[in-house]
């Protein structure tokens, strides 16, 4: 069972980490058809953009608990990002055994299942089997580090509600409905994403913010995904995070590995 969930985990981290699985049954999704145009919110969007993490590289290590159905596994997750170029993920199980290694670029998705000696190499469009085609590589980076996707907010269907404690943003763009909860520092504490006409959904939360190297970073990141009868819950607690240092991304596939088509 442990080997099975580690196999699932490597795939989840590479492909399902940011949105739920495809092929879900359609259902009626209630959308406010009166959402106003965003023409009066340009300054607000500019504030969010200025408060996003404007980094070059990120390197972090987190203790993670992932539950997929009835299976649960505690792992160590190493995440490295060369902004705009590559996302590198290493999943280590108990006893320090590396279970999987993942490399995502704007052009490709590569996965090494080190527990079973298998390797997958696909174009980036491969993730569209499991995500909405409007999910971009940049959006993946934004969700991983708690940046607000300003490109998503640039839609004519947007509703913004402000209070003394937070800002709530609801919108629709490219077949996706989204909801951000934003704190007084213009950093998100909650993000929800759902594909119109489908029951799949994603919920991410960000907490334990700390200034690290001048960046307001969420040390706690939870991700809940539901779709096609699958439910995945993950809870990441970072114990190391660095910005703008050398982010090495080793990814050498042994010749003995079986290539999975």
C-alpha atoms as a PDB file:
ATOM      1  CA  UNK A   1       0.000   0.000   0.000  1.00  0.00           C
ATOM      2  CA  UNK A   2       2.816   2.402   0.791  1.00  0.00           C
ATOM      3  CA  UNK A   3       4.388   1.786  -2.603  1.00  0.00           C
ATOM      4  CA  UNK A   4       1.027   2.394  -4.246  1.00  0.00           C
ATOM      5  CA  UNK A   5       0.452   5.761  -2.593  1.00  0.00           C
ATOM      6  CA  UNK A   6       3.992   6.881  -3.357  1.00  0.00           C
ATOM      7  CA  UNK A   7       3.346   6.103  -7.006  1.00  0.00           C
ATOM      8  CA  UNK A   8       0.165   8.135  -6.837  1.00  0.00           C
ATOM      9  CA  UNK A   9       1.953  10.894  -4.961  1.00  0.00           C
ATOM     10  CA  UNK A  10       4.622  11.344  -7.618  1.00  0.00           C
ATOM     11  CA  UNK A  11       1.936  11.689 -10.254  1.00  0.00           C
ATOM     12  CA  UNK A  12      -0.124  13.982  -8.038  1.00  0.00           C
ATOM     13  CA  UNK A  13       2.775  16.329  -7.417  1.00  0.00           C
ATOM     14  CA  UNK A  14       3.549  16.566 -11.107  1.00  0.00           C
ATOM     15  CA  UNK A  15       0.129  16.803 -12.639  1.00  0.00           C
ATOM     16  CA  UNK A  16      -2.714  17.034 -10.155  1.00  0.00           C
ATOM     17  CA  UNK A  17      -1.094  19.393  -7.707  1.00  0.00           C
ATOM     18  CA  UNK A  18      -2.856  22.424  -8.998  1.00  0.00           C
ATOM     19  CA  UNK A  19      -6.271  21.309 -10.213  1.00  0.00           C
ATOM     20  CA  UNK A  20      -8.540  18.298 -10.032  1.00  0.00           C
ATOM     21  CA  UNK A  21      -8.791  15.327 -12.358  1.00  0.00           C
ATOM     22  CA  UNK A  22     -10.574  15.341 -15.689  1.00  0.00           C
ATOM     23  CA  UNK A  23     -13.616  13.416 -16.800  1.00  0.00           C
ATOM     24  CA  UNK A  24     -15.828  14.479 -13.901  1.00  0.00           C
ATOM     25  CA  UNK A  25     -19.558  14.332 -14.245  1.00  0.00           C
ATOM     26  CA  UNK A  26     -21.167  17.605 -15.203  1.00  0.00           C
ATOM     27  CA  UNK A  27     -23.376  19.442 -12.765  1.00  0.00           C
ATOM     28  CA  UNK A  28     -24.994  22.831 -12.542  1.00  0.00           C
ATOM     29  CA  UNK A  29     -22.641  25.483 -11.206  1.00  0.00           C
ATOM     30  CA  UNK A  30     -24.229  28.663  -9.904  1.00  0.00           C
ATOM     31  CA  UNK A  31     -22.470  31.703 -11.309  1.00  0.00           C
ATOM     32  CA  UNK A  32     -23.499  35.284 -10.699  1.00  0.00           C
ATOM     33  CA  UNK A  33     -24.275  36.531 -14.198  1.00  0.00           C
ATOM     34  CA  UNK A  34     -24.258  40.114 -12.927  1.00  0.00           C
ATOM     35  CA  UNK A  35     -20.552  40.165 -12.061  1.00  0.00           C
ATOM     36  CA  UNK A  36     -19.409  43.701 -12.930  1.00  0.00           C
ATOM     37  CA  UNK A  37     -16.632  44.612 -15.305  1.00  0.00           C
ATOM     38  CA  UNK A  38     -13.205  45.050 -13.783  1.00  0.00           C
ATOM     39  CA  UNK A  39     -12.505  48.484 -15.232  1.00  0.00           C
ATOM     40  CA  UNK A  40     -12.700  50.171 -11.814  1.00  0.00           C
ATOM     41  CA  UNK A  41     -10.381  47.668 -10.133  1.00  0.00           C
ATOM     42  CA  UNK A  42      -7.135  48.361 -12.008  1.00  0.00           C
ATOM     43  CA  UNK A  43      -5.479  49.988  -8.998  1.00  0.00           C
ATOM     44  CA  UNK A  44      -6.496  47.112  -6.762  1.00  0.00           C
ATOM     45  CA  UNK A  45      -5.031  44.617  -9.234  1.00  0.00           C
ATOM     46  CA  UNK A  46      -1.849  46.678  -9.387  1.00  0.00           C
ATOM     47  CA  UNK A  47      -1.564  46.477  -5.596  1.00  0.00           C
ATOM     48  CA  UNK A  48      -1.883  42.696  -5.712  1.00  0.00           C
ATOM     49  CA  UNK A  49       0.747  42.493  -8.434  1.00  0.00           C
ATOM     50  CA  UNK A  50       3.160  44.628  -6.403  1.00  0.00           C
ATOM     51  CA  UNK A  51       2.580  42.437  -3.318  1.00  0.00           C
ATOM     52  CA  UNK A  52       3.283  39.190  -5.187  1.00  0.00           C
ATOM     53  CA  UNK A  53       6.648  37.503  -4.666  1.00  0.00           C
ATOM     54  CA  UNK A  54       8.919  39.024  -7.307  1.00  0.00           C
ATOM     55  CA  UNK A  55      11.666  36.414  -7.064  1.00  0.00           C
ATOM     56  CA  UNK A  56      14.135  34.798  -9.460  1.00  0.00           C
ATOM     57  CA  UNK A  57      14.557  31.385  -7.786  1.00  0.00           C
ATOM     58  CA  UNK A  58      12.986  29.560  -4.848  1.00  0.00           C
ATOM     59  CA  UNK A  59      14.250  26.571  -2.863  1.00  0.00           C
ATOM     60  CA  UNK A  60      12.173  25.059  -0.080  1.00  0.00           C
ATOM     61  CA  UNK A  61      11.806  21.922   2.014  1.00  0.00           C
ATOM     62  CA  UNK A  62       8.553  20.930   3.678  1.00  0.00           C
ATOM     63  CA  UNK A  63       7.126  18.148   5.763  1.00  0.00           C
ATOM     64  CA  UNK A  64       4.009  16.993   3.981  1.00  0.00           C
ATOM     65  CA  UNK A  65       1.094  14.772   4.836  1.00  0.00           C
ATOM     66  CA  UNK A  66      -0.868  13.581   1.839  1.00  0.00           C
ATOM     67  CA  UNK A  67      -4.112  11.632   2.007  1.00  0.00           C
ATOM     68  CA  UNK A  68      -5.583  10.059  -1.116  1.00  0.00           C
ATOM     69  CA  UNK A  69      -8.797   8.265  -0.359  1.00  0.00           C
ATOM     70  CA  UNK A  70      -8.066   5.966   2.585  1.00  0.00           C
ATOM     71  CA  UNK A  71      -4.300   5.985   1.982  1.00  0.00           C
ATOM     72  CA  UNK A  72      -2.131   8.421   3.908  1.00  0.00           C
ATOM     73  CA  UNK A  73       1.591   9.092   3.729  1.00  0.00           C
ATOM     74  CA  UNK A  74       4.037  11.422   5.466  1.00  0.00           C
ATOM     75  CA  UNK A  75       6.845  12.575   3.189  1.00  0.00           C
ATOM     76  CA  UNK A  76       9.456  15.276   2.804  1.00  0.00           C
ATOM     77  CA  UNK A  77       8.983  17.506  -0.195  1.00  0.00           C
ATOM     78  CA  UNK A  78      11.775  19.521  -1.774  1.00  0.00           C
ATOM     79  CA  UNK A  79      10.569  22.202  -4.161  1.00  0.00           C
ATOM     80  CA  UNK A  80      12.774  24.354  -6.379  1.00  0.00           C
ATOM     81  CA  UNK A  81      11.614  26.920  -8.898  1.00  0.00           C
ATOM     82  CA  UNK A  82      13.595  28.789 -11.517  1.00  0.00           C
ATOM     83  CA  UNK A  83      10.931  31.338 -12.277  1.00  0.00           C
ATOM     84  CA  UNK A  84       9.479  31.080 -15.731  1.00  0.00           C
ATOM     85  CA  UNK A  85      11.778  28.182 -16.593  1.00  0.00           C
ATOM     86  CA  UNK A  86      11.358  25.103 -14.404  1.00  0.00           C
ATOM     87  CA  UNK A  87       9.665  23.568 -11.356  1.00  0.00           C
ATOM     88  CA  UNK A  88      11.639  20.750  -9.720  1.00  0.00           C
ATOM     89  CA  UNK A  89      10.124  18.481  -7.067  1.00  0.00           C
ATOM     90  CA  UNK A  90      11.660  15.668  -5.051  1.00  0.00           C
ATOM     91  CA  UNK A  91       9.514  13.450  -2.829  1.00  0.00           C
ATOM     92  CA  UNK A  92      11.323  11.572  -0.046  1.00  0.00           C
ATOM     93  CA  UNK A  93       9.629   8.846   1.995  1.00  0.00           C
ATOM     94  CA  UNK A  94      10.484   7.459   5.402  1.00  0.00           C
ATOM     95  CA  UNK A  95      14.110   6.489   6.086  1.00  0.00           C
ATOM     96  CA  UNK A  96      15.249   9.151   3.619  1.00  0.00           C
ATOM     97  CA  UNK A  97      14.397   7.121   0.514  1.00  0.00           C
ATOM     98  CA  UNK A  98      13.619   9.301  -2.503  1.00  0.00           C
ATOM     99  CA  UNK A  99      10.388   8.052  -4.047  1.00  0.00           C
ATOM    100  CA  UNK A 100       9.942  10.377  -6.995  1.00  0.00           C
ATOM    101  CA  UNK A 101      11.491  13.273  -8.857  1.00  0.00           C
ATOM    102  CA  UNK A 102       9.562  15.664 -11.086  1.00  0.00           C
ATOM    103  CA  UNK A 103      10.534  18.371 -13.566  1.00  0.00           C
ATOM    104  CA  UNK A 104       7.944  20.701 -15.089  1.00  0.00           C
ATOM    105  CA  UNK A 105       8.870  23.343 -17.661  1.00  0.00           C
ATOM    106  CA  UNK A 106       6.712  25.533 -19.912  1.00  0.00           C
ATOM    107  CA  UNK A 107       7.253  22.880 -22.589  1.00  0.00           C
ATOM    108  CA  UNK A 108       7.404  19.544 -20.770  1.00  0.00           C
ATOM    109  CA  UNK A 109       6.469  17.313 -17.837  1.00  0.00           C
ATOM    110  CA  UNK A 110       8.961  14.657 -16.692  1.00  0.00           C
ATOM    111  CA  UNK A 111       8.452  12.191 -13.845  1.00  0.00           C
ATOM    112  CA  UNK A 112      10.841   9.626 -12.379  1.00  0.00           C
ATOM    113  CA  UNK A 113       9.146   7.012 -10.225  1.00  0.00           C
ATOM    114  CA  UNK A 114      12.229   5.865  -8.335  1.00  0.00           C
ATOM    115  CA  UNK A 115      10.334   3.273  -6.335  1.00  0.00           C
ATOM    116  CA  UNK A 116       9.418   1.342  -9.465  1.00  0.00           C
ATOM    117  CA  UNK A 117      12.181   2.396 -11.861  1.00  0.00           C
ATOM    118  CA  UNK A 118       9.841   4.120 -14.300  1.00  0.00           C
ATOM    119  CA  UNK A 119      10.072   7.344 -16.284  1.00  0.00           C
ATOM    120  CA  UNK A 120       7.510   9.533 -18.026  1.00  0.00           C
ATOM    121  CA  UNK A 121       8.342  12.366 -20.454  1.00  0.00           C
ATOM    122  CA  UNK A 122       5.518  14.332 -22.041  1.00  0.00           C
ATOM    123  CA  UNK A 123       4.907  17.783 -23.518  1.00  0.00           C
ATOM    124  CA  UNK A 124       3.388  20.358 -21.163  1.00  0.00           C
ATOM    125  CA  UNK A 125       0.057  19.850 -22.904  1.00  0.00           C
ATOM    126  CA  UNK A 126      -0.009  16.414 -21.226  1.00  0.00           C
ATOM    127  CA  UNK A 127      -1.421  18.044 -18.110  1.00  0.00           C
ATOM    128  CA  UNK A 128      -4.470  19.110 -20.072  1.00  0.00           C
ATOM    129  CA  UNK A 129      -5.665  15.528 -19.746  1.00  0.00           C
ATOM    130  CA  UNK A 130      -6.062  16.351 -16.071  1.00  0.00           C
ATOM    131  CA  UNK A 131      -6.584  20.118 -16.055  1.00  0.00           C
ATOM    132  CA  UNK A 132      -8.412  22.849 -17.858  1.00  0.00           C
ATOM    133  CA  UNK A 133      -6.385  23.842 -20.969  1.00  0.00           C
ATOM    134  CA  UNK A 134      -6.370  27.423 -19.696  1.00  0.00           C
ATOM    135  CA  UNK A 135      -4.089  26.502 -16.775  1.00  0.00           C
ATOM    136  CA  UNK A 136      -0.720  27.963 -17.709  1.00  0.00           C
ATOM    137  CA  UNK A 137       2.746  27.182 -16.431  1.00  0.00           C
ATOM    138  CA  UNK A 138       2.843  30.624 -14.784  1.00  0.00           C
ATOM    139  CA  UNK A 139      -0.366  29.861 -12.906  1.00  0.00           C
ATOM    140  CA  UNK A 140       1.248  26.690 -11.526  1.00  0.00           C
ATOM    141  CA  UNK A 141       4.119  28.740 -10.117  1.00  0.00           C
ATOM    142  CA  UNK A 142       1.703  31.289  -8.654  1.00  0.00           C
ATOM    143  CA  UNK A 143      -0.374  28.700  -6.818  1.00  0.00           C
ATOM    144  CA  UNK A 144       2.664  26.882  -5.438  1.00  0.00           C
ATOM    145  CA  UNK A 145       4.117  30.003  -3.789  1.00  0.00           C
ATOM    146  CA  UNK A 146       0.943  31.866  -2.939  1.00  0.00           C
ATOM    147  CA  UNK A 147       1.021  34.535  -5.623  1.00  0.00           C
ATOM    148  CA  UNK A 148      -2.252  35.967  -6.850  1.00  0.00           C
ATOM    149  CA  UNK A 149      -2.695  35.205 -10.534  1.00  0.00           C
ATOM    150  CA  UNK A 150      -3.110  38.704 -11.892  1.00  0.00           C
ATOM    151  CA  UNK A 151      -3.621  37.332 -15.401  1.00  0.00           C
ATOM    152  CA  UNK A 152      -6.664  35.447 -14.114  1.00  0.00           C
ATOM    153  CA  UNK A 153      -8.018  38.586 -12.457  1.00  0.00           C
ATOM    154  CA  UNK A 154      -7.918  40.484 -15.729  1.00  0.00           C
ATOM    155  CA  UNK A 155     -11.420  39.467 -16.688  1.00  0.00           C
ATOM    156  CA  UNK A 156     -14.591  41.421 -17.335  1.00  0.00           C
ATOM    157  CA  UNK A 157     -16.427  39.133 -14.912  1.00  0.00           C
ATOM    158  CA  UNK A 158     -15.031  40.158 -11.560  1.00  0.00           C
ATOM    159  CA  UNK A 159     -16.530  41.051  -8.210  1.00  0.00           C
ATOM    160  CA  UNK A 160     -14.503  42.587  -5.369  1.00  0.00           C
ATOM    161  CA  UNK A 161     -15.719  43.072  -1.795  1.00  0.00           C
ATOM    162  CA  UNK A 162     -13.477  44.879   0.710  1.00  0.00           C
ATOM    163  CA  UNK A 163     -13.675  45.098   4.510  1.00  0.00           C
ATOM    164  CA  UNK A 164     -11.344  46.234   7.280  1.00  0.00           C
ATOM    165  CA  UNK A 165     -10.000  42.679   7.645  1.00  0.00           C
ATOM    166  CA  UNK A 166      -9.738  41.290   4.124  1.00  0.00           C
ATOM    167  CA  UNK A 167     -10.672  41.449   0.456  1.00  0.00           C
ATOM    168  CA  UNK A 168     -12.824  38.837  -1.263  1.00  0.00           C
ATOM    169  CA  UNK A 169     -12.481  38.418  -5.031  1.00  0.00           C
ATOM    170  CA  UNK A 170     -14.806  36.295  -7.156  1.00  0.00           C
ATOM    171  CA  UNK A 171     -14.492  35.976 -10.905  1.00  0.00           C
ATOM    172  CA  UNK A 172     -14.881  33.887 -14.036  1.00  0.00           C
ATOM    173  CA  UNK A 173     -12.304  33.519 -16.799  1.00  0.00           C
ATOM    174  CA  UNK A 174     -11.756  31.006 -19.600  1.00  0.00           C
ATOM    175  CA  UNK A 175     -14.191  28.456 -18.240  1.00  0.00           C
ATOM    176  CA  UNK A 176     -12.885  28.701 -14.674  1.00  0.00           C
ATOM    177  CA  UNK A 177     -14.560  30.273 -11.677  1.00  0.00           C
ATOM    178  CA  UNK A 178     -12.250  31.408  -8.895  1.00  0.00           C
ATOM    179  CA  UNK A 179     -12.349  32.962  -5.441  1.00  0.00           C
ATOM    180  CA  UNK A 180      -9.484  34.631  -3.574  1.00  0.00           C
ATOM    181  CA  UNK A 181      -9.452  35.676   0.066  1.00  0.00           C
ATOM    182  CA  UNK A 182      -6.734  38.304   0.568  1.00  0.00           C
ATOM    183  CA  UNK A 183      -5.346  39.678   3.847  1.00  0.00           C
ATOM    184  CA  UNK A 184      -4.399  43.253   4.730  1.00  0.00           C
ATOM    185  CA  UNK A 185      -0.899  42.723   3.318  1.00  0.00           C
ATOM    186  CA  UNK A 186      -2.448  41.909  -0.077  1.00  0.00           C
ATOM    187  CA  UNK A 187      -1.383  38.260   0.280  1.00  0.00           C
ATOM    188  CA  UNK A 188      -3.858  35.399  -0.243  1.00  0.00           C
ATOM    189  CA  UNK A 189      -5.044  33.205   2.615  1.00  0.00           C
ATOM    190  CA  UNK A 190      -7.500  31.208   0.534  1.00  0.00           C
ATOM    191  CA  UNK A 191      -7.929  30.270  -3.134  1.00  0.00           C
ATOM    192  CA  UNK A 192     -10.737  28.251  -4.723  1.00  0.00           C
ATOM    193  CA  UNK A 193     -10.899  27.111  -8.331  1.00  0.00           C
ATOM    194  CA  UNK A 194     -13.623  25.234 -10.191  1.00  0.00           C
ATOM    195  CA  UNK A 195     -14.181  24.405 -13.837  1.00  0.00           C
ATOM    196  CA  UNK A 196     -17.561  25.495 -15.135  1.00  0.00           C
ATOM    197  CA  UNK A 197     -19.930  22.627 -15.810  1.00  0.00           C
ATOM    198  CA  UNK A 198     -17.880  20.128 -13.830  1.00  0.00           C
ATOM    199  CA  UNK A 199     -17.817  19.025 -10.217  1.00  0.00           C
ATOM    200  CA  UNK A 200     -14.044  19.042  -9.865  1.00  0.00           C
ATOM    201  CA  UNK A 201     -12.664  21.688  -7.545  1.00  0.00           C
ATOM    202  CA  UNK A 202      -9.554  22.859  -5.799  1.00  0.00           C
ATOM    203  CA  UNK A 203      -9.057  24.714  -2.532  1.00  0.00           C
ATOM    204  CA  UNK A 204      -5.693  26.070  -1.389  1.00  0.00           C
ATOM    205  CA  UNK A 205      -4.966  27.857   1.879  1.00  0.00           C
ATOM    206  CA  UNK A 206      -1.887  29.877   2.842  1.00  0.00           C
ATOM    207  CA  UNK A 207      -0.892  30.722   6.414  1.00  0.00           C
ATOM    208  CA  UNK A 208       2.027  31.211   8.837  1.00  0.00           C
ATOM    209  CA  UNK A 209       3.368  34.104   6.799  1.00  0.00           C
ATOM    210  CA  UNK A 210       6.950  35.133   7.565  1.00  0.00           C
ATOM    211  CA  UNK A 211       9.370  37.609   6.041  1.00  0.00           C
ATOM    212  CA  UNK A 212      12.130  35.512   4.445  1.00  0.00           C
ATOM    213  CA  UNK A 213      14.845  37.388   2.621  1.00  0.00           C
ATOM    214  CA  UNK A 214      12.473  40.313   2.178  1.00  0.00           C
ATOM    215  CA  UNK A 215       9.621  38.139   0.844  1.00  0.00           C
ATOM    216  CA  UNK A 216       6.318  37.649   2.681  1.00  0.00           C
ATOM    217  CA  UNK A 217       6.145  33.862   2.365  1.00  0.00           C
ATOM    218  CA  UNK A 218       3.444  31.411   3.615  1.00  0.00           C
ATOM    219  CA  UNK A 219       5.200  28.628   5.531  1.00  0.00           C
ATOM    220  CA  UNK A 220       1.981  26.592   5.628  1.00  0.00           C
ATOM    221  CA  UNK A 221       0.245  25.465   2.441  1.00  0.00           C
ATOM    222  CA  UNK A 222      -2.730  23.106   2.253  1.00  0.00           C
ATOM    223  CA  UNK A 223      -4.329  21.796  -0.902  1.00  0.00           C
ATOM    224  CA  UNK A 224      -7.623  19.943  -1.190  1.00  0.00           C
ATOM    225  CA  UNK A 225      -8.756  18.480  -4.514  1.00  0.00           C
ATOM    226  CA  UNK A 226     -11.963  16.682  -5.441  1.00  0.00           C
ATOM    227  CA  UNK A 227     -12.919  15.213  -8.793  1.00  0.00           C
ATOM    228  CA  UNK A 228     -14.015  12.056 -10.587  1.00  0.00           C
ATOM    229  CA  UNK A 229     -14.587  10.257  -7.295  1.00  0.00           C
ATOM    230  CA  UNK A 230     -11.059  11.095  -6.122  1.00  0.00           C
ATOM    231  CA  UNK A 231     -10.322  13.195  -3.063  1.00  0.00           C
ATOM    232  CA  UNK A 232      -6.814  14.369  -2.241  1.00  0.00           C
ATOM    233  CA  UNK A 233      -5.795  16.344   0.842  1.00  0.00           C
ATOM    234  CA  UNK A 234      -2.268  17.631   1.374  1.00  0.00           C
ATOM    235  CA  UNK A 235      -0.729  19.707   4.142  1.00  0.00           C
ATOM    236  CA  UNK A 236       2.754  21.196   3.690  1.00  0.00           C
ATOM    237  CA  UNK A 237       4.719  22.869   6.493  1.00  0.00           C
ATOM    238  CA  UNK A 238       7.963  24.448   5.308  1.00  0.00           C
ATOM    239  CA  UNK A 239      11.000  24.239   7.572  1.00  0.00           C
ATOM    240  CA  UNK A 240      13.337  25.797   5.014  1.00  0.00           C
ATOM    241  CA  UNK A 241      12.770  28.444   2.365  1.00  0.00           C
ATOM    242  CA  UNK A 242      15.261  30.533   0.382  1.00  0.00           C
ATOM    243  CA  UNK A 243      14.943  33.000  -2.438  1.00  0.00           C
ATOM    244  CA  UNK A 244      17.364  33.963  -5.186  1.00  0.00           C
ATOM    245  CA  UNK A 245      19.997  31.357  -4.367  1.00  0.00           C
ATOM    246  CA  UNK A 246      21.370  28.747  -6.754  1.00  0.00           C
ATOM    247  CA  UNK A 247      18.544  26.275  -7.371  1.00  0.00           C
ATOM    248  CA  UNK A 248      20.110  23.066  -8.647  1.00  0.00           C
ATOM    249  CA  UNK A 249      17.717  20.732 -10.434  1.00  0.00           C
ATOM    250  CA  UNK A 250      19.416  17.376 -11.088  1.00  0.00           C
ATOM    251  CA  UNK A 251      17.352  15.102 -13.298  1.00  0.00           C
ATOM    252  CA  UNK A 252      19.359  12.248 -14.787  1.00  0.00           C
ATOM    253  CA  UNK A 253      17.324   9.197 -15.738  1.00  0.00           C
ATOM    254  CA  UNK A 254      19.127   5.853 -15.298  1.00  0.00           C
ATOM    255  CA  UNK A 255      19.302   3.791 -18.463  1.00  0.00           C
ATOM    256  CA  UNK A 256      17.636   0.891 -16.666  1.00  0.00           C
ATOM    257  CA  UNK A 257      14.388   2.812 -16.125  1.00  0.00           C
ATOM    258  CA  UNK A 258      11.311   1.720 -18.042  1.00  0.00           C
ATOM    259  CA  UNK A 259       9.825   4.458 -20.216  1.00  0.00           C
ATOM    260  CA  UNK A 260       6.059   4.756 -19.734  1.00  0.00           C
ATOM    261  CA  UNK A 261       4.159   5.991 -22.790  1.00  0.00           C
END
